[in-house]
């Protein structure tokens, strides 16, 4: 989660600084980080929460925020590389979110999907560690990027 989030935020910071050398360098790093984050993707498009290399153990829960960051991070990698595999990853993340994470009855996103494939309904939807920050920001960021593509071609 943090790797894919960092990939696009690092590149975004370089863009804001308006340093072309840094934009180019962080763009290359962002694509490499997105490629590395693919190791945490499941067949269903969800991104596993965390990997512990010292134990070679994968936390098989899929928390809400890495899914949001995966959408933006993989979309960013697609924009930078034009490699359609990254666009497929971003769309796979969105599909996973729509089918698994969004609570269609009561709203908001579930905290996580357990290793059993079911939402963790025992966890809060808003609290000290859970708020609509990641998912709200991801959706607004993708709207901005998609609008930029659509309206730059008109």
Protein backbone atom coordinates (compact mmCIF):
# COMPACT_ATOMS: atom_id res chain seq x y z
CA UNK A 1 0.00 0.00 0.00
CA UNK A 2 2.64 2.52 0.98
CA UNK A 3 4.82 1.64 -2.01
CA UNK A 4 2.10 2.24 -4.60
CA UNK A 5 0.99 5.40 -2.77
CA UNK A 6 4.55 6.73 -2.64
CA UNK A 7 5.05 6.04 -6.34
CA UNK A 8 2.50 8.59 -7.48
CA UNK A 9 2.97 11.09 -4.63
CA UNK A 10 6.72 11.27 -5.27
CA UNK A 11 6.14 12.02 -8.92
CA UNK A 12 3.40 14.52 -8.08
CA UNK A 13 5.75 16.39 -5.73
CA UNK A 14 8.36 16.65 -8.48
CA UNK A 15 5.72 18.04 -10.85
CA UNK A 16 4.69 20.64 -8.28
CA UNK A 17 8.34 21.67 -7.86
CA UNK A 18 8.44 22.13 -11.64
CA UNK A 19 11.87 20.49 -11.87
CA UNK A 20 12.00 18.65 -15.21
CA UNK A 21 15.01 16.53 -14.26
CA UNK A 22 13.31 15.47 -11.06
CA UNK A 23 10.02 14.87 -12.89
CA UNK A 24 11.80 12.53 -15.31
CA UNK A 25 13.74 10.75 -12.55
CA UNK A 26 10.72 10.27 -10.28
CA UNK A 27 8.65 9.14 -13.26
CA UNK A 28 11.06 6.29 -13.84
CA UNK A 29 11.06 5.44 -10.15
CA UNK A 30 7.24 5.57 -10.01
CA UNK A 31 6.93 2.98 -12.78
CA UNK A 32 9.48 0.72 -11.08
CA UNK A 33 7.62 1.04 -7.78
CA UNK A 34 4.32 0.20 -9.49
CA UNK A 35 5.95 -2.87 -11.03
CA UNK A 36 7.20 -3.93 -7.59
CA UNK A 37 3.76 -3.37 -6.03
CA UNK A 38 2.27 -5.83 -8.51
CA UNK A 39 3.74 -8.59 -6.35
CA UNK A 40 0.99 -7.81 -3.82
CA UNK A 41 -1.88 -8.07 -6.29
CA UNK A 42 -4.30 -10.94 -6.04
CA UNK A 43 -6.07 -12.55 -9.00
CA UNK A 44 -9.26 -10.70 -8.03
CA UNK A 45 -7.58 -7.30 -8.56
CA UNK A 46 -7.26 -6.54 -4.85
CA UNK A 47 -3.96 -5.53 -3.28
CA UNK A 48 -2.93 -7.47 -0.20
CA UNK A 49 -2.33 -5.31 2.84
CA UNK A 50 1.29 -6.03 3.61
CA UNK A 51 4.22 -8.38 2.98
CA UNK A 52 6.75 -9.23 5.68
CA UNK A 53 9.96 -10.25 3.85
CA UNK A 54 11.77 -11.35 7.01
CA UNK A 55 9.09 -14.01 7.57
CA UNK A 56 8.16 -14.36 3.89
CA UNK A 57 4.58 -13.86 5.06
CA UNK A 58 1.76 -12.09 3.26
CA UNK A 59 -1.04 -10.41 5.18
CA UNK A 60 -3.95 -11.63 3.07
CA UNK A 61 -6.41 -8.97 4.25
CA UNK A 62 -7.16 -6.26 1.75
CA UNK A 63 -7.60 -2.95 3.54
CA UNK A 64 -9.55 -0.11 1.97
CA UNK A 65 -6.75 2.41 1.57
CA UNK A 66 -4.24 0.33 -0.46
CA UNK A 67 -7.03 -0.35 -2.98
CA UNK A 68 -7.60 3.39 -3.39
CA UNK A 69 -3.88 4.09 -3.71
CA UNK A 70 -3.48 1.22 -6.18
CA UNK A 71 -6.02 2.82 -8.52
CA UNK A 72 -4.05 6.07 -8.63
CA UNK A 73 -0.60 4.50 -8.55
CA UNK A 74 -1.26 2.13 -11.43
CA UNK A 75 -3.08 4.83 -13.41
CA UNK A 76 -0.06 7.09 -12.89
CA UNK A 77 2.28 4.32 -14.08
CA UNK A 78 0.11 3.91 -17.18
CA UNK A 79 0.23 7.64 -17.91
CA UNK A 80 4.01 7.62 -17.57
CA UNK A 81 4.81 4.41 -19.41
CA UNK A 82 1.84 4.02 -21.79
CA UNK A 83 1.97 0.33 -20.83
CA UNK A 84 -1.65 -0.82 -20.91
CA UNK A 85 -0.95 -3.44 -18.23
CA UNK A 86 -0.92 -0.61 -15.68
CA UNK A 87 -4.27 0.69 -16.90
CA UNK A 88 -5.63 -2.85 -16.54
CA UNK A 89 -4.30 -2.94 -12.96
CA UNK A 90 -5.96 0.40 -12.15
CA UNK A 91 -9.25 -0.81 -13.62
CA UNK A 92 -8.87 -4.10 -11.75
CA UNK A 93 -8.49 -2.15 -8.50
CA UNK A 94 -11.63 -0.16 -9.27
CA UNK A 95 -13.53 -3.34 -10.09
CA UNK A 96 -12.41 -4.92 -6.82
CA UNK A 97 -13.50 -1.83 -4.88
CA UNK A 98 -16.92 -1.81 -6.55
CA UNK A 99 -17.61 -5.49 -6.02
CA UNK A 100 -16.03 -6.06 -2.59
CA UNK A 101 -15.34 -2.88 -0.61
CA UNK A 102 -18.25 -0.53 -1.13
CA UNK A 103 -21.07 -1.07 1.34
CA UNK A 104 -24.04 -0.58 -0.97
CA UNK A 105 -26.53 -0.79 1.88
CA UNK A 106 -25.08 1.63 4.44
CA UNK A 107 -22.50 3.55 2.39
CA UNK A 108 -18.75 4.13 2.70
CA UNK A 109 -16.08 1.46 2.18
CA UNK A 110 -15.53 -1.44 4.52
CA UNK A 111 -12.31 -1.39 6.55
CA UNK A 112 -11.07 -4.50 4.79
CA UNK A 113 -11.88 -7.76 3.16
CA UNK A 114 -10.67 -10.63 5.31
CA UNK A 115 -8.58 -13.53 4.06
CA UNK A 116 -11.89 -15.43 3.85
CA UNK A 117 -13.09 -13.01 1.14
CA UNK A 118 -15.77 -11.32 3.25
CA UNK A 119 -15.97 -7.72 4.53
CA UNK A 120 -14.75 -7.08 8.07
CA UNK A 121 -17.99 -5.66 9.41
CA UNK A 122 -16.62 -5.64 12.95
CA UNK A 123 -14.26 -2.76 12.08
CA UNK A 124 -15.34 0.87 12.04
CA UNK A 125 -15.96 2.77 8.83
CA UNK A 126 -14.78 6.00 10.39
CA UNK A 127 -12.53 6.50 13.37
CA UNK A 128 -9.00 7.27 14.42
CA UNK A 129 -7.42 5.16 11.62
CA UNK A 130 -10.28 5.06 9.12
CA UNK A 131 -11.82 7.97 7.32
CA UNK A 132 -12.69 8.67 3.67
CA UNK A 133 -9.32 10.37 3.11
CA UNK A 134 -7.63 7.80 0.86
CA UNK A 135 -10.72 6.81 -1.07
CA UNK A 136 -11.97 10.39 -1.44
CA UNK A 137 -8.57 11.66 -2.53
CA UNK A 138 -8.12 8.76 -4.96
CA UNK A 139 -11.46 9.39 -6.63
CA UNK A 140 -10.83 13.14 -6.91
CA UNK A 141 -7.31 12.53 -8.24
CA UNK A 142 -8.57 10.14 -10.90
CA UNK A 143 -11.35 12.52 -11.93
CA UNK A 144 -8.72 15.25 -12.36
CA UNK A 145 -6.44 13.00 -14.40
CA UNK A 146 -9.20 11.57 -16.59
CA UNK A 147 -10.63 15.04 -17.22
CA UNK A 148 -7.15 16.18 -18.19
CA UNK A 149 -6.96 13.42 -20.78
CA UNK A 150 -10.48 13.97 -22.12
CA UNK A 151 -10.33 17.75 -22.30
CA UNK A 152 -6.79 17.95 -23.65
CA UNK A 153 -7.94 15.94 -26.68
CA UNK A 154 -10.90 18.16 -27.54
